């Protein structure tokens, strides 16, 4: 189900709680909402649709990927950039890393570990920040 984008700073600034198998519908809703906003969005976190769970979704070209309980375990190559967000107006300055390693659960709740780089790594870092209640 496509959900409205949350702009409530109180909700967005709360640290997300770990997701469980009962939260799979949240992942599906997040992916549906990402697809519906593909013309202006490359990533979403569950709190951006008003749900305080540690779930993110992002696009790699035409492919939409979901991660449950993502944790960035390694970071390499810091750089400065500016980012926008559907939940906020304007762009903000931040530091990101060119390469990251992420541990997460896939939709089957199987543990995964993967390295991401460049723009995909930047998207994931932004969405994981949302899970931490960090607003950029």
C-alpha atoms as a PDB file:
ATOM      1  CA  UNK A   1       0.000   0.000   0.000  1.00  0.00           C
ATOM      2  CA  UNK A   2       1.283   3.467  -0.879  1.00  0.00           C
ATOM      3  CA  UNK A   3       1.617   5.553   2.287  1.00  0.00           C
ATOM      4  CA  UNK A   4       1.819   9.333   2.694  1.00  0.00           C
ATOM      5  CA  UNK A   5       5.250  10.810   3.417  1.00  0.00           C
ATOM      6  CA  UNK A   6       5.637  11.823   7.076  1.00  0.00           C
ATOM      7  CA  UNK A   7       6.980  15.318   7.752  1.00  0.00           C
ATOM      8  CA  UNK A   8       6.489  15.265  11.533  1.00  0.00           C
ATOM      9  CA  UNK A   9       9.854  16.080  13.142  1.00  0.00           C
ATOM     10  CA  UNK A  10       8.879  14.323  16.385  1.00  0.00           C
ATOM     11  CA  UNK A  11       8.352  11.023  14.550  1.00  0.00           C
ATOM     12  CA  UNK A  12      11.376  11.486  12.285  1.00  0.00           C
ATOM     13  CA  UNK A  13      13.725  12.267  15.190  1.00  0.00           C
ATOM     14  CA  UNK A  14      12.930   9.074  17.128  1.00  0.00           C
ATOM     15  CA  UNK A  15      15.329   6.150  16.911  1.00  0.00           C
ATOM     16  CA  UNK A  16      13.648   3.218  15.169  1.00  0.00           C
ATOM     17  CA  UNK A  17      13.083  -0.098  16.913  1.00  0.00           C
ATOM     18  CA  UNK A  18      14.191  -3.416  15.381  1.00  0.00           C
ATOM     19  CA  UNK A  19      11.760  -4.993  12.940  1.00  0.00           C
ATOM     20  CA  UNK A  20      10.415  -8.529  13.284  1.00  0.00           C
ATOM     21  CA  UNK A  21       8.842 -10.968  10.837  1.00  0.00           C
ATOM     22  CA  UNK A  22       5.463  -9.455  11.743  1.00  0.00           C
ATOM     23  CA  UNK A  23       6.651  -6.233  10.056  1.00  0.00           C
ATOM     24  CA  UNK A  24       6.965  -7.603   6.507  1.00  0.00           C
ATOM     25  CA  UNK A  25       3.916  -5.590   5.431  1.00  0.00           C
ATOM     26  CA  UNK A  26       5.819  -2.448   6.436  1.00  0.00           C
ATOM     27  CA  UNK A  27       8.586  -3.431   4.000  1.00  0.00           C
ATOM     28  CA  UNK A  28       6.024  -3.996   1.240  1.00  0.00           C
ATOM     29  CA  UNK A  29       4.375  -0.628   1.959  1.00  0.00           C
ATOM     30  CA  UNK A  30       7.782   1.062   1.930  1.00  0.00           C
ATOM     31  CA  UNK A  31       8.634  -0.472  -1.454  1.00  0.00           C
ATOM     32  CA  UNK A  32       5.207   0.500  -2.860  1.00  0.00           C
ATOM     33  CA  UNK A  33       5.692   4.068  -1.620  1.00  0.00           C
ATOM     34  CA  UNK A  34       9.215   4.198  -3.073  1.00  0.00           C
ATOM     35  CA  UNK A  35       7.923   3.054  -6.482  1.00  0.00           C
ATOM     36  CA  UNK A  36       5.110   5.626  -6.349  1.00  0.00           C
ATOM     37  CA  UNK A  37       7.658   8.404  -5.686  1.00  0.00           C
ATOM     38  CA  UNK A  38      10.364   7.169  -8.071  1.00  0.00           C
ATOM     39  CA  UNK A  39      10.352  10.454  -9.975  1.00  0.00           C
ATOM     40  CA  UNK A  40      11.568  12.348  -6.889  1.00  0.00           C
ATOM     41  CA  UNK A  41      12.996   9.762  -4.492  1.00  0.00           C
ATOM     42  CA  UNK A  42      15.706   7.053  -4.428  1.00  0.00           C
ATOM     43  CA  UNK A  43      15.325   5.832  -0.842  1.00  0.00           C
ATOM     44  CA  UNK A  44      12.968   5.687   2.124  1.00  0.00           C
ATOM     45  CA  UNK A  45      13.081   4.635   5.758  1.00  0.00           C
ATOM     46  CA  UNK A  46      10.010   3.300   7.561  1.00  0.00           C
ATOM     47  CA  UNK A  47       9.729   6.378   9.773  1.00  0.00           C
ATOM     48  CA  UNK A  48       9.218   8.412   6.602  1.00  0.00           C
ATOM     49  CA  UNK A  49       5.859   6.643   6.254  1.00  0.00           C
ATOM     50  CA  UNK A  50       5.146   7.083   9.969  1.00  0.00           C
ATOM     51  CA  UNK A  51       6.276   3.649  11.175  1.00  0.00           C
ATOM     52  CA  UNK A  52       9.016   3.474  13.808  1.00  0.00           C
ATOM     53  CA  UNK A  53      10.735   0.297  12.566  1.00  0.00           C
ATOM     54  CA  UNK A  54      14.316  -0.219  11.371  1.00  0.00           C
ATOM     55  CA  UNK A  55      13.481  -0.912   7.720  1.00  0.00           C
ATOM     56  CA  UNK A  56      14.775   0.877   4.620  1.00  0.00           C
ATOM     57  CA  UNK A  57      14.183   0.657   0.877  1.00  0.00           C
ATOM     58  CA  UNK A  58      16.194   2.141  -1.974  1.00  0.00           C
ATOM     59  CA  UNK A  59      16.555   2.058  -5.738  1.00  0.00           C
ATOM     60  CA  UNK A  60      19.528   0.841  -7.734  1.00  0.00           C
ATOM     61  CA  UNK A  61      18.379   1.899 -11.184  1.00  0.00           C
ATOM     62  CA  UNK A  62      15.141   0.000 -11.878  1.00  0.00           C
ATOM     63  CA  UNK A  63      15.695  -2.433  -8.984  1.00  0.00           C
ATOM     64  CA  UNK A  64      14.108  -1.692  -5.597  1.00  0.00           C
ATOM     65  CA  UNK A  65      15.855  -3.203  -2.568  1.00  0.00           C
ATOM     66  CA  UNK A  66      14.600  -3.606   0.991  1.00  0.00           C
ATOM     67  CA  UNK A  67      16.723  -4.057   4.111  1.00  0.00           C
ATOM     68  CA  UNK A  68      15.512  -5.058   7.545  1.00  0.00           C
ATOM     69  CA  UNK A  69      17.508  -3.938  10.597  1.00  0.00           C
ATOM     70  CA  UNK A  70      20.450  -2.560   8.577  1.00  0.00           C
ATOM     71  CA  UNK A  71      23.673  -1.706  10.399  1.00  0.00           C
ATOM     72  CA  UNK A  72      26.674  -0.077   8.758  1.00  0.00           C
ATOM     73  CA  UNK A  73      29.709  -2.004  10.024  1.00  0.00           C
ATOM     74  CA  UNK A  74      32.512  -0.413   7.956  1.00  0.00           C
ATOM     75  CA  UNK A  75      33.022   2.998   6.349  1.00  0.00           C
ATOM     76  CA  UNK A  76      35.800   4.124   3.985  1.00  0.00           C
ATOM     77  CA  UNK A  77      36.549   7.286   2.041  1.00  0.00           C
ATOM     78  CA  UNK A  78      34.752  10.220   3.671  1.00  0.00           C
ATOM     79  CA  UNK A  79      33.562  13.071   1.461  1.00  0.00           C
ATOM     80  CA  UNK A  80      31.324  16.118   1.805  1.00  0.00           C
ATOM     81  CA  UNK A  81      28.038  16.373  -0.093  1.00  0.00           C
ATOM     82  CA  UNK A  82      24.555  17.874  -0.034  1.00  0.00           C
ATOM     83  CA  UNK A  83      21.336  15.866   0.190  1.00  0.00           C
ATOM     84  CA  UNK A  84      17.634  16.443  -0.081  1.00  0.00           C
ATOM     85  CA  UNK A  85      14.833  14.475   1.564  1.00  0.00           C
ATOM     86  CA  UNK A  86      11.133  13.953   0.845  1.00  0.00           C
ATOM     87  CA  UNK A  87      10.367  14.615   4.508  1.00  0.00           C
ATOM     88  CA  UNK A  88      12.202  17.960   4.542  1.00  0.00           C
ATOM     89  CA  UNK A  89      12.468  21.014   2.325  1.00  0.00           C
ATOM     90  CA  UNK A  90      15.731  22.096   0.734  1.00  0.00           C
ATOM     91  CA  UNK A  91      19.156  20.471   0.815  1.00  0.00           C
ATOM     92  CA  UNK A  92      21.560  19.958   3.691  1.00  0.00           C
ATOM     93  CA  UNK A  93      25.320  19.561   3.970  1.00  0.00           C
ATOM     94  CA  UNK A  94      26.655  16.267   5.332  1.00  0.00           C
ATOM     95  CA  UNK A  95      29.627  13.891   5.336  1.00  0.00           C
ATOM     96  CA  UNK A  96      29.218  10.480   3.706  1.00  0.00           C
ATOM     97  CA  UNK A  97      31.543   7.582   2.944  1.00  0.00           C
ATOM     98  CA  UNK A  98      32.299   6.325  -0.551  1.00  0.00           C
ATOM     99  CA  UNK A  99      32.260   2.664   0.506  1.00  0.00           C
ATOM    100  CA  UNK A 100      30.304   0.968   3.291  1.00  0.00           C
ATOM    101  CA  UNK A 101      29.700  -2.553   4.522  1.00  0.00           C
ATOM    102  CA  UNK A 102      26.162  -3.260   5.700  1.00  0.00           C
ATOM    103  CA  UNK A 103      24.772  -6.163   7.709  1.00  0.00           C
ATOM    104  CA  UNK A 104      21.013  -6.621   7.354  1.00  0.00           C
ATOM    105  CA  UNK A 105      18.197  -9.121   7.093  1.00  0.00           C
ATOM    106  CA  UNK A 106      16.573  -9.750   3.721  1.00  0.00           C
ATOM    107  CA  UNK A 107      12.804 -10.197   3.353  1.00  0.00           C
ATOM    108  CA  UNK A 108      13.225 -13.891   4.268  1.00  0.00           C
ATOM    109  CA  UNK A 109      14.971 -12.812   7.492  1.00  0.00           C
ATOM    110  CA  UNK A 110      18.246 -14.328   6.333  1.00  0.00           C
ATOM    111  CA  UNK A 111      21.371 -12.492   7.522  1.00  0.00           C
ATOM    112  CA  UNK A 112      23.247 -10.689   4.738  1.00  0.00           C
ATOM    113  CA  UNK A 113      26.496  -8.732   4.556  1.00  0.00           C
ATOM    114  CA  UNK A 114      27.243  -6.622   1.515  1.00  0.00           C
ATOM    115  CA  UNK A 115      29.559  -3.818   0.412  1.00  0.00           C
ATOM    116  CA  UNK A 116      28.082  -0.797  -1.373  1.00  0.00           C
ATOM    117  CA  UNK A 117      29.843   2.151  -2.958  1.00  0.00           C
ATOM    118  CA  UNK A 118      29.267   5.507  -4.591  1.00  0.00           C
ATOM    119  CA  UNK A 119      25.689   6.817  -4.853  1.00  0.00           C
ATOM    120  CA  UNK A 120      24.103   3.592  -3.571  1.00  0.00           C
ATOM    121  CA  UNK A 121      26.248   3.824  -0.428  1.00  0.00           C
ATOM    122  CA  UNK A 122      25.170   7.449   0.014  1.00  0.00           C
ATOM    123  CA  UNK A 123      21.476   6.520  -0.222  1.00  0.00           C
ATOM    124  CA  UNK A 124      21.854   3.722   2.338  1.00  0.00           C
ATOM    125  CA  UNK A 125      23.712   6.024   4.758  1.00  0.00           C
ATOM    126  CA  UNK A 126      20.930   8.617   4.496  1.00  0.00           C
ATOM    127  CA  UNK A 127      18.220   6.028   5.204  1.00  0.00           C
ATOM    128  CA  UNK A 128      20.154   4.432   8.084  1.00  0.00           C
ATOM    129  CA  UNK A 129      20.487   7.939   9.559  1.00  0.00           C
ATOM    130  CA  UNK A 130      16.679   8.129   9.468  1.00  0.00           C
ATOM    131  CA  UNK A 131      16.567   4.857  11.437  1.00  0.00           C
ATOM    132  CA  UNK A 132      18.818   6.488  14.039  1.00  0.00           C
ATOM    133  CA  UNK A 133      16.573   9.545  14.273  1.00  0.00           C
ATOM    134  CA  UNK A 134      19.187  11.686  12.527  1.00  0.00           C
ATOM    135  CA  UNK A 135      17.521  14.178  10.214  1.00  0.00           C
ATOM    136  CA  UNK A 136      19.585  15.341   7.232  1.00  0.00           C
END
